[in-house]
């Protein structure tokens, strides 16, 4: 369960980070 929530938040953070990435 801890790992699952970590993966779920990891998904959200990486998706958000992608919007600020400096290159396509």
PDBML (XML) file of the C-alpha atoms, coordinates in Angstrom:
<?xml version="1.0" encoding="UTF-8" ?>
<PDBx:datablock datablockName="MODEL"
   xmlns:PDBx="http://pdbml.pdb.org/schema/pdbx-v50.xsd"
   xmlns:xsi="http://www.w3.org/2001/XMLSchema-instance"
   xsi:schemaLocation="http://pdbml.pdb.org/schema/pdbx-v50.xsd pdbx-v50.xsd">
   <PDBx:atom_siteCategory>
      <PDBx:atom_site id="1">
         <PDBx:B_iso_or_equiv>0.00</PDBx:B_iso_or_equiv>
         <PDBx:Cartn_x>0.000</PDBx:Cartn_x>
         <PDBx:Cartn_y>0.000</PDBx:Cartn_y>
         <PDBx:Cartn_z>0.000</PDBx:Cartn_z>
         <PDBx:auth_asym_id>A</PDBx:auth_asym_id>
         <PDBx:auth_atom_id>CA</PDBx:auth_atom_id>
         <PDBx:auth_comp_id>UNK</PDBx:auth_comp_id>
         <PDBx:auth_seq_id>1</PDBx:auth_seq_id>
         <PDBx:group_PDB>ATOM</PDBx:group_PDB>
         <PDBx:label_alt_id xsi:nil="true" />
         <PDBx:label_asym_id>A</PDBx:label_asym_id>
         <PDBx:label_atom_id>CA</PDBx:label_atom_id>
         <PDBx:label_comp_id>UNK</PDBx:label_comp_id>
         <PDBx:label_entity_id>1</PDBx:label_entity_id>
         <PDBx:label_seq_id>1</PDBx:label_seq_id>
         <PDBx:occupancy>1.00</PDBx:occupancy>
         <PDBx:pdbx_PDB_model_num>1</PDBx:pdbx_PDB_model_num>
         <PDBx:type_symbol>C</PDBx:type_symbol>
      </PDBx:atom_site>
      <PDBx:atom_site id="2">
         <PDBx:B_iso_or_equiv>0.00</PDBx:B_iso_or_equiv>
         <PDBx:Cartn_x>2.819</PDBx:Cartn_x>
         <PDBx:Cartn_y>2.427</PDBx:Cartn_y>
         <PDBx:Cartn_z>0.836</PDBx:Cartn_z>
         <PDBx:auth_asym_id>A</PDBx:auth_asym_id>
         <PDBx:auth_atom_id>CA</PDBx:auth_atom_id>
         <PDBx:auth_comp_id>UNK</PDBx:auth_comp_id>
         <PDBx:auth_seq_id>2</PDBx:auth_seq_id>
         <PDBx:group_PDB>ATOM</PDBx:group_PDB>
         <PDBx:label_alt_id xsi:nil="true" />
         <PDBx:label_asym_id>A</PDBx:label_asym_id>
         <PDBx:label_atom_id>CA</PDBx:label_atom_id>
         <PDBx:label_comp_id>UNK</PDBx:label_comp_id>
         <PDBx:label_entity_id>1</PDBx:label_entity_id>
         <PDBx:label_seq_id>2</PDBx:label_seq_id>
         <PDBx:occupancy>1.00</PDBx:occupancy>
         <PDBx:pdbx_PDB_model_num>1</PDBx:pdbx_PDB_model_num>
         <PDBx:type_symbol>C</PDBx:type_symbol>
      </PDBx:atom_site>
      <PDBx:atom_site id="3">
         <PDBx:B_iso_or_equiv>0.00</PDBx:B_iso_or_equiv>
         <PDBx:Cartn_x>4.537</PDBx:Cartn_x>
         <PDBx:Cartn_y>1.551</PDBx:Cartn_y>
         <PDBx:Cartn_z>-2.416</PDBx:Cartn_z>
         <PDBx:auth_asym_id>A</PDBx:auth_asym_id>
         <PDBx:auth_atom_id>CA</PDBx:auth_atom_id>
         <PDBx:auth_comp_id>UNK</PDBx:auth_comp_id>
         <PDBx:auth_seq_id>3</PDBx:auth_seq_id>
         <PDBx:group_PDB>ATOM</PDBx:group_PDB>
         <PDBx:label_alt_id xsi:nil="true" />
         <PDBx:label_asym_id>A</PDBx:label_asym_id>
         <PDBx:label_atom_id>CA</PDBx:label_atom_id>
         <PDBx:label_comp_id>UNK</PDBx:label_comp_id>
         <PDBx:label_entity_id>1</PDBx:label_entity_id>
         <PDBx:label_seq_id>3</PDBx:label_seq_id>
         <PDBx:occupancy>1.00</PDBx:occupancy>
         <PDBx:pdbx_PDB_model_num>1</PDBx:pdbx_PDB_model_num>
         <PDBx:type_symbol>C</PDBx:type_symbol>
      </PDBx:atom_site>
      <PDBx:atom_site id="4">
         <PDBx:B_iso_or_equiv>0.00</PDBx:B_iso_or_equiv>
         <PDBx:Cartn_x>1.275</PDBx:Cartn_x>
         <PDBx:Cartn_y>1.924</PDBx:Cartn_y>
         <PDBx:Cartn_z>-4.356</PDBx:Cartn_z>
         <PDBx:auth_asym_id>A</PDBx:auth_asym_id>
         <PDBx:auth_atom_id>CA</PDBx:auth_atom_id>
         <PDBx:auth_comp_id>UNK</PDBx:auth_comp_id>
         <PDBx:auth_seq_id>4</PDBx:auth_seq_id>
         <PDBx:group_PDB>ATOM</PDBx:group_PDB>
         <PDBx:label_alt_id xsi:nil="true" />
         <PDBx:label_asym_id>A</PDBx:label_asym_id>
         <PDBx:label_atom_id>CA</PDBx:label_atom_id>
         <PDBx:label_comp_id>UNK</PDBx:label_comp_id>
         <PDBx:label_entity_id>1</PDBx:label_entity_id>
         <PDBx:label_seq_id>4</PDBx:label_seq_id>
         <PDBx:occupancy>1.00</PDBx:occupancy>
         <PDBx:pdbx_PDB_model_num>1</PDBx:pdbx_PDB_model_num>
         <PDBx:type_symbol>C</PDBx:type_symbol>
      </PDBx:atom_site>
      <PDBx:atom_site id="5">
         <PDBx:B_iso_or_equiv>0.00</PDBx:B_iso_or_equiv>
         <PDBx:Cartn_x>0.646</PDBx:Cartn_x>
         <PDBx:Cartn_y>5.401</PDBx:Cartn_y>
         <PDBx:Cartn_z>-2.999</PDBx:Cartn_z>
         <PDBx:auth_asym_id>A</PDBx:auth_asym_id>
         <PDBx:auth_atom_id>CA</PDBx:auth_atom_id>
         <PDBx:auth_comp_id>UNK</PDBx:auth_comp_id>
         <PDBx:auth_seq_id>5</PDBx:auth_seq_id>
         <PDBx:group_PDB>ATOM</PDBx:group_PDB>
         <PDBx:label_alt_id xsi:nil="true" />
         <PDBx:label_asym_id>A</PDBx:label_asym_id>
         <PDBx:label_atom_id>CA</PDBx:label_atom_id>
         <PDBx:label_comp_id>UNK</PDBx:label_comp_id>
         <PDBx:label_entity_id>1</PDBx:label_entity_id>
         <PDBx:label_seq_id>5</PDBx:label_seq_id>
         <PDBx:occupancy>1.00</PDBx:occupancy>
         <PDBx:pdbx_PDB_model_num>1</PDBx:pdbx_PDB_model_num>
         <PDBx:type_symbol>C</PDBx:type_symbol>
      </PDBx:atom_site>
      <PDBx:atom_site id="6">
         <PDBx:B_iso_or_equiv>0.00</PDBx:B_iso_or_equiv>
         <PDBx:Cartn_x>4.248</PDBx:Cartn_x>
         <PDBx:Cartn_y>6.306</PDBx:Cartn_y>
         <PDBx:Cartn_z>-3.721</PDBx:Cartn_z>
         <PDBx:auth_asym_id>A</PDBx:auth_asym_id>
         <PDBx:auth_atom_id>CA</PDBx:auth_atom_id>
         <PDBx:auth_comp_id>UNK</PDBx:auth_comp_id>
         <PDBx:auth_seq_id>6</PDBx:auth_seq_id>
         <PDBx:group_PDB>ATOM</PDBx:group_PDB>
         <PDBx:label_alt_id xsi:nil="true" />
         <PDBx:label_asym_id>A</PDBx:label_asym_id>
         <PDBx:label_atom_id>CA</PDBx:label_atom_id>
         <PDBx:label_comp_id>UNK</PDBx:label_comp_id>
         <PDBx:label_entity_id>1</PDBx:label_entity_id>
         <PDBx:label_seq_id>6</PDBx:label_seq_id>
         <PDBx:occupancy>1.00</PDBx:occupancy>
         <PDBx:pdbx_PDB_model_num>1</PDBx:pdbx_PDB_model_num>
         <PDBx:type_symbol>C</PDBx:type_symbol>
      </PDBx:atom_site>
      <PDBx:atom_site id="7">
         <PDBx:B_iso_or_equiv>0.00</PDBx:B_iso_or_equiv>
         <PDBx:Cartn_x>3.804</PDBx:Cartn_x>
         <PDBx:Cartn_y>5.206</PDBx:Cartn_y>
         <PDBx:Cartn_z>-7.329</PDBx:Cartn_z>
         <PDBx:auth_asym_id>A</PDBx:auth_asym_id>
         <PDBx:auth_atom_id>CA</PDBx:auth_atom_id>
         <PDBx:auth_comp_id>UNK</PDBx:auth_comp_id>
         <PDBx:auth_seq_id>7</PDBx:auth_seq_id>
         <PDBx:group_PDB>ATOM</PDBx:group_PDB>
         <PDBx:label_alt_id xsi:nil="true" />
         <PDBx:label_asym_id>A</PDBx:label_asym_id>
         <PDBx:label_atom_id>CA</PDBx:label_atom_id>
         <PDBx:label_comp_id>UNK</PDBx:label_comp_id>
         <PDBx:label_entity_id>1</PDBx:label_entity_id>
         <PDBx:label_seq_id>7</PDBx:label_seq_id>
         <PDBx:occupancy>1.00</PDBx:occupancy>
         <PDBx:pdbx_PDB_model_num>1</PDBx:pdbx_PDB_model_num>
         <PDBx:type_symbol>C</PDBx:type_symbol>
      </PDBx:atom_site>
      <PDBx:atom_site id="8">
         <PDBx:B_iso_or_equiv>0.00</PDBx:B_iso_or_equiv>
         <PDBx:Cartn_x>0.520</PDBx:Cartn_x>
         <PDBx:Cartn_y>7.114</PDBx:Cartn_y>
         <PDBx:Cartn_z>-7.625</PDBx:Cartn_z>
         <PDBx:auth_asym_id>A</PDBx:auth_asym_id>
         <PDBx:auth_atom_id>CA</PDBx:auth_atom_id>
         <PDBx:auth_comp_id>UNK</PDBx:auth_comp_id>
         <PDBx:auth_seq_id>8</PDBx:auth_seq_id>
         <PDBx:group_PDB>ATOM</PDBx:group_PDB>
         <PDBx:label_alt_id xsi:nil="true" />
         <PDBx:label_asym_id>A</PDBx:label_asym_id>
         <PDBx:label_atom_id>CA</PDBx:label_atom_id>
         <PDBx:label_comp_id>UNK</PDBx:label_comp_id>
         <PDBx:label_entity_id>1</PDBx:label_entity_id>
         <PDBx:label_seq_id>8</PDBx:label_seq_id>
         <PDBx:occupancy>1.00</PDBx:occupancy>
         <PDBx:pdbx_PDB_model_num>1</PDBx:pdbx_PDB_model_num>
         <PDBx:type_symbol>C</PDBx:type_symbol>
      </PDBx:atom_site>
      <PDBx:atom_site id="9">
         <PDBx:B_iso_or_equiv>0.00</PDBx:B_iso_or_equiv>
         <PDBx:Cartn_x>2.081</PDBx:Cartn_x>
         <PDBx:Cartn_y>10.345</PDBx:Cartn_y>
         <PDBx:Cartn_z>-6.339</PDBx:Cartn_z>
         <PDBx:auth_asym_id>A</PDBx:auth_asym_id>
         <PDBx:auth_atom_id>CA</PDBx:auth_atom_id>
         <PDBx:auth_comp_id>UNK</PDBx:auth_comp_id>
         <PDBx:auth_seq_id>9</PDBx:auth_seq_id>
         <PDBx:group_PDB>ATOM</PDBx:group_PDB>
         <PDBx:label_alt_id xsi:nil="true" />
         <PDBx:label_asym_id>A</PDBx:label_asym_id>
         <PDBx:label_atom_id>CA</PDBx:label_atom_id>
         <PDBx:label_comp_id>UNK</PDBx:label_comp_id>
         <PDBx:label_entity_id>1</PDBx:label_entity_id>
         <PDBx:label_seq_id>9</PDBx:label_seq_id>
         <PDBx:occupancy>1.00</PDBx:occupancy>
         <PDBx:pdbx_PDB_model_num>1</PDBx:pdbx_PDB_model_num>
         <PDBx:type_symbol>C</PDBx:type_symbol>
      </PDBx:atom_site>
      <PDBx:atom_site id="10">
         <PDBx:B_iso_or_equiv>0.00</PDBx:B_iso_or_equiv>
         <PDBx:Cartn_x>5.145</PDBx:Cartn_x>
         <PDBx:Cartn_y>9.673</PDBx:Cartn_y>
         <PDBx:Cartn_z>-8.487</PDBx:Cartn_z>
         <PDBx:auth_asym_id>A</PDBx:auth_asym_id>
         <PDBx:auth_atom_id>CA</PDBx:auth_atom_id>
         <PDBx:auth_comp_id>UNK</PDBx:auth_comp_id>
         <PDBx:auth_seq_id>10</PDBx:auth_seq_id>
         <PDBx:group_PDB>ATOM</PDBx:group_PDB>
         <PDBx:label_alt_id xsi:nil="true" />
         <PDBx:label_asym_id>A</PDBx:label_asym_id>
         <PDBx:label_atom_id>CA</PDBx:label_atom_id>
         <PDBx:label_comp_id>UNK</PDBx:label_comp_id>
         <PDBx:label_entity_id>1</PDBx:label_entity_id>
         <PDBx:label_seq_id>10</PDBx:label_seq_id>
         <PDBx:occupancy>1.00</PDBx:occupancy>
         <PDBx:pdbx_PDB_model_num>1</PDBx:pdbx_PDB_model_num>
         <PDBx:type_symbol>C</PDBx:type_symbol>
      </PDBx:atom_site>
      <PDBx:atom_site id="11">
         <PDBx:B_iso_or_equiv>0.00</PDBx:B_iso_or_equiv>
         <PDBx:Cartn_x>2.916</PDBx:Cartn_x>
         <PDBx:Cartn_y>9.535</PDBx:Cartn_y>
         <PDBx:Cartn_z>-11.538</PDBx:Cartn_z>
         <PDBx:auth_asym_id>A</PDBx:auth_asym_id>
         <PDBx:auth_atom_id>CA</PDBx:auth_atom_id>
         <PDBx:auth_comp_id>UNK</PDBx:auth_comp_id>
         <PDBx:auth_seq_id>11</PDBx:auth_seq_id>
         <PDBx:group_PDB>ATOM</PDBx:group_PDB>
         <PDBx:label_alt_id xsi:nil="true" />
         <PDBx:label_asym_id>A</PDBx:label_asym_id>
         <PDBx:label_atom_id>CA</PDBx:label_atom_id>
         <PDBx:label_comp_id>UNK</PDBx:label_comp_id>
         <PDBx:label_entity_id>1</PDBx:label_entity_id>
         <PDBx:label_seq_id>11</PDBx:label_seq_id>
         <PDBx:occupancy>1.00</PDBx:occupancy>
         <PDBx:pdbx_PDB_model_num>1</PDBx:pdbx_PDB_model_num>
         <PDBx:type_symbol>C</PDBx:type_symbol>
      </PDBx:atom_site>
      <PDBx:atom_site id="12">
         <PDBx:B_iso_or_equiv>0.00</PDBx:B_iso_or_equiv>
         <PDBx:Cartn_x>1.277</PDBx:Cartn_x>
         <PDBx:Cartn_y>12.856</PDBx:Cartn_y>
         <PDBx:Cartn_z>-10.654</PDBx:Cartn_z>
         <PDBx:auth_asym_id>A</PDBx:auth_asym_id>
         <PDBx:auth_atom_id>CA</PDBx:auth_atom_id>
         <PDBx:auth_comp_id>UNK</PDBx:auth_comp_id>
         <PDBx:auth_seq_id>12</PDBx:auth_seq_id>
         <PDBx:group_PDB>ATOM</PDBx:group_PDB>
         <PDBx:label_alt_id xsi:nil="true" />
         <PDBx:label_asym_id>A</PDBx:label_asym_id>
         <PDBx:label_atom_id>CA</PDBx:label_atom_id>
         <PDBx:label_comp_id>UNK</PDBx:label_comp_id>
         <PDBx:label_entity_id>1</PDBx:label_entity_id>
         <PDBx:label_seq_id>12</PDBx:label_seq_id>
         <PDBx:occupancy>1.00</PDBx:occupancy>
         <PDBx:pdbx_PDB_model_num>1</PDBx:pdbx_PDB_model_num>
         <PDBx:type_symbol>C</PDBx:type_symbol>
      </PDBx:atom_site>
      <PDBx:atom_site id="13">
         <PDBx:B_iso_or_equiv>0.00</PDBx:B_iso_or_equiv>
         <PDBx:Cartn_x>4.582</PDBx:Cartn_x>
         <PDBx:Cartn_y>14.598</PDBx:Cartn_y>
         <PDBx:Cartn_z>-9.955</PDBx:Cartn_z>
         <PDBx:auth_asym_id>A</PDBx:auth_asym_id>
         <PDBx:auth_atom_id>CA</PDBx:auth_atom_id>
         <PDBx:auth_comp_id>UNK</PDBx:auth_comp_id>
         <PDBx:auth_seq_id>13</PDBx:auth_seq_id>
         <PDBx:group_PDB>ATOM</PDBx:group_PDB>
         <PDBx:label_alt_id xsi:nil="true" />
         <PDBx:label_asym_id>A</PDBx:label_asym_id>
         <PDBx:label_atom_id>CA</PDBx:label_atom_id>
         <PDBx:label_comp_id>UNK</PDBx:label_comp_id>
         <PDBx:label_entity_id>1</PDBx:label_entity_id>
         <PDBx:label_seq_id>13</PDBx:label_seq_id>
         <PDBx:occupancy>1.00</PDBx:occupancy>
         <PDBx:pdbx_PDB_model_num>1</PDBx:pdbx_PDB_model_num>
         <PDBx:type_symbol>C</PDBx:type_symbol>
      </PDBx:atom_site>
      <PDBx:atom_site id="14">
         <PDBx:B_iso_or_equiv>0.00</PDBx:B_iso_or_equiv>
         <PDBx:Cartn_x>6.274</PDBx:Cartn_x>
         <PDBx:Cartn_y>13.378</PDBx:Cartn_y>
         <PDBx:Cartn_z>-13.147</PDBx:Cartn_z>
         <PDBx:auth_asym_id>A</PDBx:auth_asym_id>
         <PDBx:auth_atom_id>CA</PDBx:auth_atom_id>
         <PDBx:auth_comp_id>UNK</PDBx:auth_comp_id>
         <PDBx:auth_seq_id>14</PDBx:auth_seq_id>
         <PDBx:group_PDB>ATOM</PDBx:group_PDB>
         <PDBx:label_alt_id xsi:nil="true" />
         <PDBx:label_asym_id>A</PDBx:label_asym_id>
         <PDBx:label_atom_id>CA</PDBx:label_atom_id>
         <PDBx:label_comp_id>UNK</PDBx:label_comp_id>
         <PDBx:label_entity_id>1</PDBx:label_entity_id>
         <PDBx:label_seq_id>14</PDBx:label_seq_id>
         <PDBx:occupancy>1.00</PDBx:occupancy>
         <PDBx:pdbx_PDB_model_num>1</PDBx:pdbx_PDB_model_num>
         <PDBx:type_symbol>C</PDBx:type_symbol>
      </PDBx:atom_site>
      <PDBx:atom_site id="15">
         <PDBx:B_iso_or_equiv>0.00</PDBx:B_iso_or_equiv>
         <PDBx:Cartn_x>3.252</PDBx:Cartn_x>
         <PDBx:Cartn_y>14.356</PDBx:Cartn_y>
         <PDBx:Cartn_z>-15.207</PDBx:Cartn_z>
         <PDBx:auth_asym_id>A</PDBx:auth_asym_id>
         <PDBx:auth_atom_id>CA</PDBx:auth_atom_id>
         <PDBx:auth_comp_id>UNK</PDBx:auth_comp_id>
         <PDBx:auth_seq_id>15</PDBx:auth_seq_id>
         <PDBx:group_PDB>ATOM</PDBx:group_PDB>
         <PDBx:label_alt_id xsi:nil="true" />
         <PDBx:label_asym_id>A</PDBx:label_asym_id>
         <PDBx:label_atom_id>CA</PDBx:label_atom_id>
         <PDBx:label_comp_id>UNK</PDBx:label_comp_id>
         <PDBx:label_entity_id>1</PDBx:label_entity_id>
         <PDBx:label_seq_id>15</PDBx:label_seq_id>
         <PDBx:occupancy>1.00</PDBx:occupancy>
         <PDBx:pdbx_PDB_model_num>1</PDBx:pdbx_PDB_model_num>
         <PDBx:type_symbol>C</PDBx:type_symbol>
      </PDBx:atom_site>
      <PDBx:atom_site id="16">
         <PDBx:B_iso_or_equiv>0.00</PDBx:B_iso_or_equiv>
         <PDBx:Cartn_x>3.399</PDBx:Cartn_x>
         <PDBx:Cartn_y>17.832</PDBx:Cartn_y>
         <PDBx:Cartn_z>-13.653</PDBx:Cartn_z>
         <PDBx:auth_asym_id>A</PDBx:auth_asym_id>
         <PDBx:auth_atom_id>CA</PDBx:auth_atom_id>
         <PDBx:auth_comp_id>UNK</PDBx:auth_comp_id>
         <PDBx:auth_seq_id>16</PDBx:auth_seq_id>
         <PDBx:group_PDB>ATOM</PDBx:group_PDB>
         <PDBx:label_alt_id xsi:nil="true" />
         <PDBx:label_asym_id>A</PDBx:label_asym_id>
         <PDBx:label_atom_id>CA</PDBx:label_atom_id>
         <PDBx:label_comp_id>UNK</PDBx:label_comp_id>
         <PDBx:label_entity_id>1</PDBx:label_entity_id>
         <PDBx:label_seq_id>16</PDBx:label_seq_id>
         <PDBx:occupancy>1.00</PDBx:occupancy>
         <PDBx:pdbx_PDB_model_num>1</PDBx:pdbx_PDB_model_num>
         <PDBx:type_symbol>C</PDBx:type_symbol>
      </PDBx:atom_site>
      <PDBx:atom_site id="17">
         <PDBx:B_iso_or_equiv>0.00</PDBx:B_iso_or_equiv>
         <PDBx:Cartn_x>7.163</PDBx:Cartn_x>
         <PDBx:Cartn_y>18.056</PDBx:Cartn_y>
         <PDBx:Cartn_z>-14.169</PDBx:Cartn_z>
         <PDBx:auth_asym_id>A</PDBx:auth_asym_id>
         <PDBx:auth_atom_id>CA</PDBx:auth_atom_id>
         <PDBx:auth_comp_id>UNK</PDBx:auth_comp_id>
         <PDBx:auth_seq_id>17</PDBx:auth_seq_id>
         <PDBx:group_PDB>ATOM</PDBx:group_PDB>
         <PDBx:label_alt_id xsi:nil="true" />
         <PDBx:label_asym_id>A</PDBx:label_asym_id>
         <PDBx:label_atom_id>CA</PDBx:label_atom_id>
         <PDBx:label_comp_id>UNK</PDBx:label_comp_id>
         <PDBx:label_entity_id>1</PDBx:label_entity_id>
         <PDBx:label_seq_id>17</PDBx:label_seq_id>
         <PDBx:occupancy>1.00</PDBx:occupancy>
         <PDBx:pdbx_PDB_model_num>1</PDBx:pdbx_PDB_model_num>
         <PDBx:type_symbol>C</PDBx:type_symbol>
      </PDBx:atom_site>
      <PDBx:atom_site id="18">
         <PDBx:B_iso_or_equiv>0.00</PDBx:B_iso_or_equiv>
         <PDBx:Cartn_x>6.747</PDBx:Cartn_x>
         <PDBx:Cartn_y>17.229</PDBx:Cartn_y>
         <PDBx:Cartn_z>-17.859</PDBx:Cartn_z>
         <PDBx:auth_asym_id>A</PDBx:auth_asym_id>
         <PDBx:auth_atom_id>CA</PDBx:auth_atom_id>
         <PDBx:auth_comp_id>UNK</PDBx:auth_comp_id>
         <PDBx:auth_seq_id>18</PDBx:auth_seq_id>
         <PDBx:group_PDB>ATOM</PDBx:group_PDB>
         <PDBx:label_alt_id xsi:nil="true" />
         <PDBx:label_asym_id>A</PDBx:label_asym_id>
         <PDBx:label_atom_id>CA</PDBx:label_atom_id>
         <PDBx:label_comp_id>UNK</PDBx:label_comp_id>
         <PDBx:label_entity_id>1</PDBx:label_entity_id>
         <PDBx:label_seq_id>18</PDBx:label_seq_id>
         <PDBx:occupancy>1.00</PDBx:occupancy>
         <PDBx:pdbx_PDB_model_num>1</PDBx:pdbx_PDB_model_num>
         <PDBx:type_symbol>C</PDBx:type_symbol>
      </PDBx:atom_site>
      <PDBx:atom_site id="19">
         <PDBx:B_iso_or_equiv>0.00</PDBx:B_iso_or_equiv>
         <PDBx:Cartn_x>4.803</PDBx:Cartn_x>
         <PDBx:Cartn_y>20.461</PDBx:Cartn_y>
         <PDBx:Cartn_z>-18.356</PDBx:Cartn_z>
         <PDBx:auth_asym_id>A</PDBx:auth_asym_id>
         <PDBx:auth_atom_id>CA</PDBx:auth_atom_id>
         <PDBx:auth_comp_id>UNK</PDBx:auth_comp_id>
         <PDBx:auth_seq_id>19</PDBx:auth_seq_id>
         <PDBx:group_PDB>ATOM</PDBx:group_PDB>
         <PDBx:label_alt_id xsi:nil="true" />
         <PDBx:label_asym_id>A</PDBx:label_asym_id>
         <PDBx:label_atom_id>CA</PDBx:label_atom_id>
         <PDBx:label_comp_id>UNK</PDBx:label_comp_id>
         <PDBx:label_entity_id>1</PDBx:label_entity_id>
         <PDBx:label_seq_id>19</PDBx:label_seq_id>
         <PDBx:occupancy>1.00</PDBx:occupancy>
         <PDBx:pdbx_PDB_model_num>1</PDBx:pdbx_PDB_model_num>
         <PDBx:type_symbol>C</PDBx:type_symbol>
      </PDBx:atom_site>
      <PDBx:atom_site id="20">
         <PDBx:B_iso_or_equiv>0.00</PDBx:B_iso_or_equiv>
         <PDBx:Cartn_x>7.857</PDBx:Cartn_x>
         <PDBx:Cartn_y>22.442</PDBx:Cartn_y>
         <PDBx:Cartn_z>-17.202</PDBx:Cartn_z>
         <PDBx:auth_asym_id>A</PDBx:auth_asym_id>
         <PDBx:auth_atom_id>CA</PDBx:auth_atom_id>
         <PDBx:auth_comp_id>UNK</PDBx:auth_comp_id>
         <PDBx:auth_seq_id>20</PDBx:auth_seq_id>
         <PDBx:group_PDB>ATOM</PDBx:group_PDB>
         <PDBx:label_alt_id xsi:nil="true" />
         <PDBx:label_asym_id>A</PDBx:label_asym_id>
         <PDBx:label_atom_id>CA</PDBx:label_atom_id>
         <PDBx:label_comp_id>UNK</PDBx:label_comp_id>
         <PDBx:label_entity_id>1</PDBx:label_entity_id>
         <PDBx:label_seq_id>20</PDBx:label_seq_id>
         <PDBx:occupancy>1.00</PDBx:occupancy>
         <PDBx:pdbx_PDB_model_num>1</PDBx:pdbx_PDB_model_num>
         <PDBx:type_symbol>C</PDBx:type_symbol>
      </PDBx:atom_site>
      <PDBx:atom_site id="21">
         <PDBx:B_iso_or_equiv>0.00</PDBx:B_iso_or_equiv>
         <PDBx:Cartn_x>10.458</PDBx:Cartn_x>
         <PDBx:Cartn_y>20.460</PDBx:Cartn_y>
         <PDBx:Cartn_z>-19.146</PDBx:Cartn_z>
         <PDBx:auth_asym_id>A</PDBx:auth_asym_id>
         <PDBx:auth_atom_id>CA</PDBx:auth_atom_id>
         <PDBx:auth_comp_id>UNK</PDBx:auth_comp_id>
         <PDBx:auth_seq_id>21</PDBx:auth_seq_id>
         <PDBx:group_PDB>ATOM</PDBx:group_PDB>
         <PDBx:label_alt_id xsi:nil="true" />
         <PDBx:label_asym_id>A</PDBx:label_asym_id>
         <PDBx:label_atom_id>CA</PDBx:label_atom_id>
         <PDBx:label_comp_id>UNK</PDBx:label_comp_id>
         <PDBx:label_entity_id>1</PDBx:label_entity_id>
         <PDBx:label_seq_id>21</PDBx:label_seq_id>
         <PDBx:occupancy>1.00</PDBx:occupancy>
         <PDBx:pdbx_PDB_model_num>1</PDBx:pdbx_PDB_model_num>
         <PDBx:type_symbol>C</PDBx:type_symbol>
      </PDBx:atom_site>
      <PDBx:atom_site id="22">
         <PDBx:B_iso_or_equiv>0.00</PDBx:B_iso_or_equiv>
         <PDBx:Cartn_x>12.750</PDBx:Cartn_x>
         <PDBx:Cartn_y>22.751</PDBx:Cartn_y>
         <PDBx:Cartn_z>-21.187</PDBx:Cartn_z>
         <PDBx:auth_asym_id>A</PDBx:auth_asym_id>
         <PDBx:auth_atom_id>CA</PDBx:auth_atom_id>
         <PDBx:auth_comp_id>UNK</PDBx:auth_comp_id>
         <PDBx:auth_seq_id>22</PDBx:auth_seq_id>
         <PDBx:group_PDB>ATOM</PDBx:group_PDB>
         <PDBx:label_alt_id xsi:nil="true" />
         <PDBx:label_asym_id>A</PDBx:label_asym_id>
         <PDBx:label_atom_id>CA</PDBx:label_atom_id>
         <PDBx:label_comp_id>UNK</PDBx:label_comp_id>
         <PDBx:label_entity_id>1</PDBx:label_entity_id>
         <PDBx:label_seq_id>22</PDBx:label_seq_id>
         <PDBx:occupancy>1.00</PDBx:occupancy>
         <PDBx:pdbx_PDB_model_num>1</PDBx:pdbx_PDB_model_num>
         <PDBx:type_symbol>C</PDBx:type_symbol>
      </PDBx:atom_site>
      <PDBx:atom_site id="23">
         <PDBx:B_iso_or_equiv>0.00</PDBx:B_iso_or_equiv>
         <PDBx:Cartn_x>12.648</PDBx:Cartn_x>
         <PDBx:Cartn_y>20.645</PDBx:Cartn_y>
         <PDBx:Cartn_z>-24.365</PDBx:Cartn_z>
         <PDBx:auth_asym_id>A</PDBx:auth_asym_id>
         <PDBx:auth_atom_id>CA</PDBx:auth_atom_id>
         <PDBx:auth_comp_id>UNK</PDBx:auth_comp_id>
         <PDBx:auth_seq_id>23</PDBx:auth_seq_id>
         <PDBx:group_PDB>ATOM</PDBx:group_PDB>
         <PDBx:label_alt_id xsi:nil="true" />
         <PDBx:label_asym_id>A</PDBx:label_asym_id>
         <PDBx:label_atom_id>CA</PDBx:label_atom_id>
         <PDBx:label_comp_id>UNK</PDBx:label_comp_id>
         <PDBx:label_entity_id>1</PDBx:label_entity_id>
         <PDBx:label_seq_id>23</PDBx:label_seq_id>
         <PDBx:occupancy>1.00</PDBx:occupancy>
         <PDBx:pdbx_PDB_model_num>1</PDBx:pdbx_PDB_model_num>
         <PDBx:type_symbol>C</PDBx:type_symbol>
      </PDBx:atom_site>
      <PDBx:atom_site id="24">
         <PDBx:B_iso_or_equiv>0.00</PDBx:B_iso_or_equiv>
         <PDBx:Cartn_x>10.063</PDBx:Cartn_x>
         <PDBx:Cartn_y>18.509</PDBx:Cartn_y>
         <PDBx:Cartn_z>-26.181</PDBx:Cartn_z>
         <PDBx:auth_asym_id>A</PDBx:auth_asym_id>
         <PDBx:auth_atom_id>CA</PDBx:auth_atom_id>
         <PDBx:auth_comp_id>UNK</PDBx:auth_comp_id>
         <PDBx:auth_seq_id>24</PDBx:auth_seq_id>
         <PDBx:group_PDB>ATOM</PDBx:group_PDB>
         <PDBx:label_alt_id xsi:nil="true" />
         <PDBx:label_asym_id>A</PDBx:label_asym_id>
         <PDBx:label_atom_id>CA</PDBx:label_atom_id>
         <PDBx:label_comp_id>UNK</PDBx:label_comp_id>
         <PDBx:label_entity_id>1</PDBx:label_entity_id>
         <PDBx:label_seq_id>24</PDBx:label_seq_id>
         <PDBx:occupancy>1.00</PDBx:occupancy>
         <PDBx:pdbx_PDB_model_num>1</PDBx:pdbx_PDB_model_num>
         <PDBx:type_symbol>C</PDBx:type_symbol>
      </PDBx:atom_site>
   </PDBx:atom_siteCategory>
</PDBx:datablock>
